[in-house]
Amino acid sequence: MSFLDVEEDFIRSKVLPDFAWTPFDEPTAPAPLAKPLRECAVALVVTAGAYLSSSQSRFDTRNPLGDDSFRIIPSDIPPEKIALSHPGYDTKRAQRDLDTVFPYQLLKRLFAAGVIGRAAPRHVSFMGYIPRTERLIWDRAPQVARMLREDGVDLTILVPS
């Protein structure tokens, strides 16, 4: 039995009797970069449950159906202003090294080293536990994609937590 089978059985027994992973029959087609990485604007979309502690609400970690909302994290925010709320990992440990789940500071170092053109002005954080994915796929993801397009993002790095 695989980890995914165990996880699926757990979710079925505790939360959703009809739960099944959302299947995708075909992988996403590759999308080559239109320009060199050193010229690209790069954004992060993470499932860390990151939010701005002073101005945004925590993710709802008690809802058995998860929380499919997202938070916008400005690229220039100091790390001490970012908090984590997630039911699936030790957020206190991750908070000590935020780059493990939300590597926006790493993007700044990559920019300084000339590896990327720039970090996007905004990054996006979701909470990773979302067993009902319909709203995420059909509503939230297009909203985020439009925002990233408005920011001139050339490359989005997806960071699972």
Protein backbone atom coordinates (compact mmCIF):
# COMPACT_ATOMS: atom_id res chain seq x y z
CA MET A 1 0.00 0.00 0.00
CA SER A 2 1.42 3.39 -1.01
CA PHE A 3 1.50 6.56 1.06
CA LEU A 4 -1.26 8.00 -1.15
CA ASP A 5 -3.44 4.96 -0.46
CA VAL A 6 -2.94 5.36 3.28
CA GLU A 7 -3.68 9.08 3.07
CA GLU A 8 -6.79 8.47 0.96
CA ASP A 9 -8.06 5.86 3.43
CA PHE A 10 -7.43 8.25 6.33
CA ILE A 11 -9.38 11.08 4.69
CA ARG A 12 -12.22 8.70 3.84
CA SER A 13 -12.43 7.35 7.39
CA LYS A 14 -12.18 10.73 9.14
CA VAL A 15 -13.71 13.32 6.81
CA LEU A 16 -15.13 12.38 3.41
CA PRO A 17 -16.41 8.85 2.82
CA ASP A 18 -16.41 9.41 -0.96
CA PHE A 19 -12.94 11.02 -1.14
CA ALA A 20 -10.70 10.20 -4.09
CA TRP A 21 -7.61 11.99 -5.35
CA THR A 22 -8.30 14.25 -8.31
CA PRO A 23 -6.90 12.32 -11.28
CA PHE A 24 -5.23 13.83 -14.32
CA ASP A 25 -4.93 11.47 -17.27
CA GLU A 26 -2.24 13.43 -19.05
CA PRO A 27 0.66 15.42 -17.69
CA THR A 28 0.67 19.14 -18.36
CA ALA A 29 2.36 19.92 -21.65
CA PRO A 30 5.81 21.49 -21.26
CA ALA A 31 5.87 25.25 -21.67
CA PRO A 32 9.38 26.39 -22.54
CA LEU A 33 10.43 29.80 -21.29
CA ALA A 34 10.12 32.53 -23.90
CA LYS A 35 13.34 34.17 -22.72
CA PRO A 36 16.41 33.25 -20.69
CA LEU A 37 15.90 32.66 -16.97
CA ARG A 38 18.21 35.58 -16.15
CA GLU A 39 15.57 37.85 -17.77
CA CYS A 40 12.49 36.26 -16.20
CA ALA A 41 10.19 37.52 -13.46
CA VAL A 42 9.68 34.61 -11.07
CA ALA A 43 6.78 34.09 -8.65
CA LEU A 44 6.09 31.45 -6.03
CA VAL A 45 2.84 29.62 -5.46
CA VAL A 46 3.18 27.67 -2.24
CA THR A 47 0.99 25.40 -0.15
CA ALA A 48 2.68 26.45 3.08
CA GLY A 49 -0.30 28.21 4.65
CA ALA A 50 1.73 31.45 4.77
CA TYR A 51 -0.09 34.65 5.65
CA LEU A 52 0.70 38.15 6.91
CA SER A 53 0.20 37.96 10.66
CA SER A 54 -0.70 41.64 11.05
CA SER A 55 -3.24 42.02 8.26
CA GLN A 56 -4.50 38.65 6.99
CA SER A 57 -6.51 35.94 8.66
CA ARG A 58 -5.02 32.54 9.35
CA PHE A 59 -6.00 29.64 7.13
CA ASP A 60 -8.81 27.56 8.61
CA THR A 61 -6.94 24.48 9.83
CA ARG A 62 -9.94 23.09 11.72
CA ASN A 63 -12.28 22.74 8.76
CA PRO A 64 -12.37 19.05 7.77
CA LEU A 65 -12.82 20.17 4.16
CA GLY A 66 -9.72 22.34 4.26
CA ASP A 67 -9.45 25.97 3.24
CA ASP A 68 -9.20 26.72 -0.49
CA SER A 69 -8.61 30.45 -0.06
CA PHE A 70 -5.25 32.03 -0.78
CA ARG A 71 -3.14 34.86 0.57
CA ILE A 72 -1.04 37.36 -1.37
CA ILE A 73 2.43 37.78 0.09
CA PRO A 74 4.37 40.83 -1.14
CA SER A 75 7.91 40.09 -2.23
CA ASP A 76 9.37 42.82 -0.04
CA ILE A 77 7.77 41.78 3.26
CA PRO A 78 10.19 40.97 6.10
CA PRO A 79 10.12 37.28 7.14
CA GLU A 80 9.10 38.09 10.71
CA LYS A 81 5.78 39.46 9.35
CA ILE A 82 4.91 36.06 7.81
CA ALA A 83 3.17 33.39 9.86
CA LEU A 84 2.20 29.83 8.94
CA SER A 85 -1.05 27.93 9.56
CA HIS A 86 -1.26 24.40 8.22
CA PRO A 87 -2.54 21.13 9.71
CA GLY A 88 -0.13 18.88 7.81
CA TYR A 89 3.34 19.81 9.07
CA ASP A 90 5.19 21.38 12.01
CA THR A 91 4.80 25.08 11.26
CA LYS A 92 6.95 26.10 14.26
CA ARG A 93 9.97 24.30 12.79
CA ALA A 94 9.32 25.68 9.30
CA GLN A 95 8.95 29.20 10.72
CA ARG A 96 12.58 29.03 11.89
CA ASP A 97 13.69 28.58 8.26
CA LEU A 98 10.87 30.02 6.16
CA ASP A 99 12.68 29.20 2.91
CA THR A 100 11.94 25.50 3.52
CA VAL A 101 8.26 26.09 2.70
CA PHE A 102 8.20 29.59 1.21
CA PRO A 103 11.55 30.32 -0.48
CA TYR A 104 10.93 33.96 -1.38
CA GLN A 105 14.19 35.03 0.27
CA LEU A 106 16.00 32.53 -1.95
CA LEU A 107 14.49 34.29 -4.99
CA LYS A 108 16.03 37.55 -3.76
CA ARG A 109 19.43 35.86 -3.55
CA LEU A 110 18.98 34.39 -7.05
CA PHE A 111 18.19 37.87 -8.36
CA ALA A 112 21.24 39.34 -6.61
CA ALA A 113 23.38 36.62 -8.20
CA GLY A 114 21.97 37.35 -11.67
CA VAL A 115 20.29 33.93 -11.99
CA ILE A 116 16.77 35.38 -12.44
CA GLY A 117 15.63 38.72 -13.84
CA ARG A 118 13.59 39.63 -10.76
CA ALA A 119 11.31 38.26 -8.10
CA ALA A 120 7.65 38.99 -8.79
CA PRO A 121 6.13 41.73 -6.61
CA ARG A 122 3.59 39.26 -5.19
CA HIS A 123 3.63 35.58 -4.32
CA VAL A 124 0.68 33.34 -3.46
CA SER A 125 0.14 30.98 -0.57
CA PHE A 126 -2.51 28.31 -0.24
CA MET A 127 -2.97 25.76 2.51
CA GLY A 128 -2.08 22.35 1.15
CA TYR A 129 -4.95 20.34 2.59
CA ILE A 130 -7.90 20.80 0.20
CA PRO A 131 -9.72 17.50 -0.36
CA ARG A 132 -12.48 19.09 -2.47
CA THR A 133 -10.52 20.65 -5.32
CA GLU A 134 -13.30 21.93 -7.59
CA ARG A 135 -13.25 25.56 -6.41
CA LEU A 136 -9.46 25.52 -6.29
CA ILE A 137 -9.18 24.36 -9.90
CA TRP A 138 -12.06 26.31 -11.47
CA ASP A 139 -12.09 29.51 -9.39
CA ARG A 140 -8.96 30.13 -7.33
CA ALA A 141 -6.32 28.98 -9.84
CA PRO A 142 -7.63 31.23 -12.66
CA GLN A 143 -7.74 34.19 -10.24
CA VAL A 144 -4.12 33.58 -9.28
CA ALA A 145 -3.07 33.09 -12.91
CA ARG A 146 -4.63 36.44 -13.88
CA MET A 147 -2.85 38.18 -11.02
CA LEU A 148 0.52 36.67 -11.95
CA ARG A 149 -0.03 37.66 -15.58
CA GLU A 150 -0.79 41.24 -14.46
CA ASP A 151 2.53 41.20 -12.56
CA GLY A 152 4.39 40.20 -15.74
CA VAL A 153 5.46 36.84 -14.33
CA ASP A 154 7.34 34.62 -16.77
CA LEU A 155 7.87 31.62 -14.50
CA THR A 156 5.93 30.36 -11.50
CA ILE A 157 7.53 27.88 -9.15
CA LEU A 158 5.05 25.64 -7.32
CA VAL A 159 6.29 24.72 -3.84
CA PRO A 160 4.36 21.95 -2.04
CA SER A 161 4.52 21.73 1.74
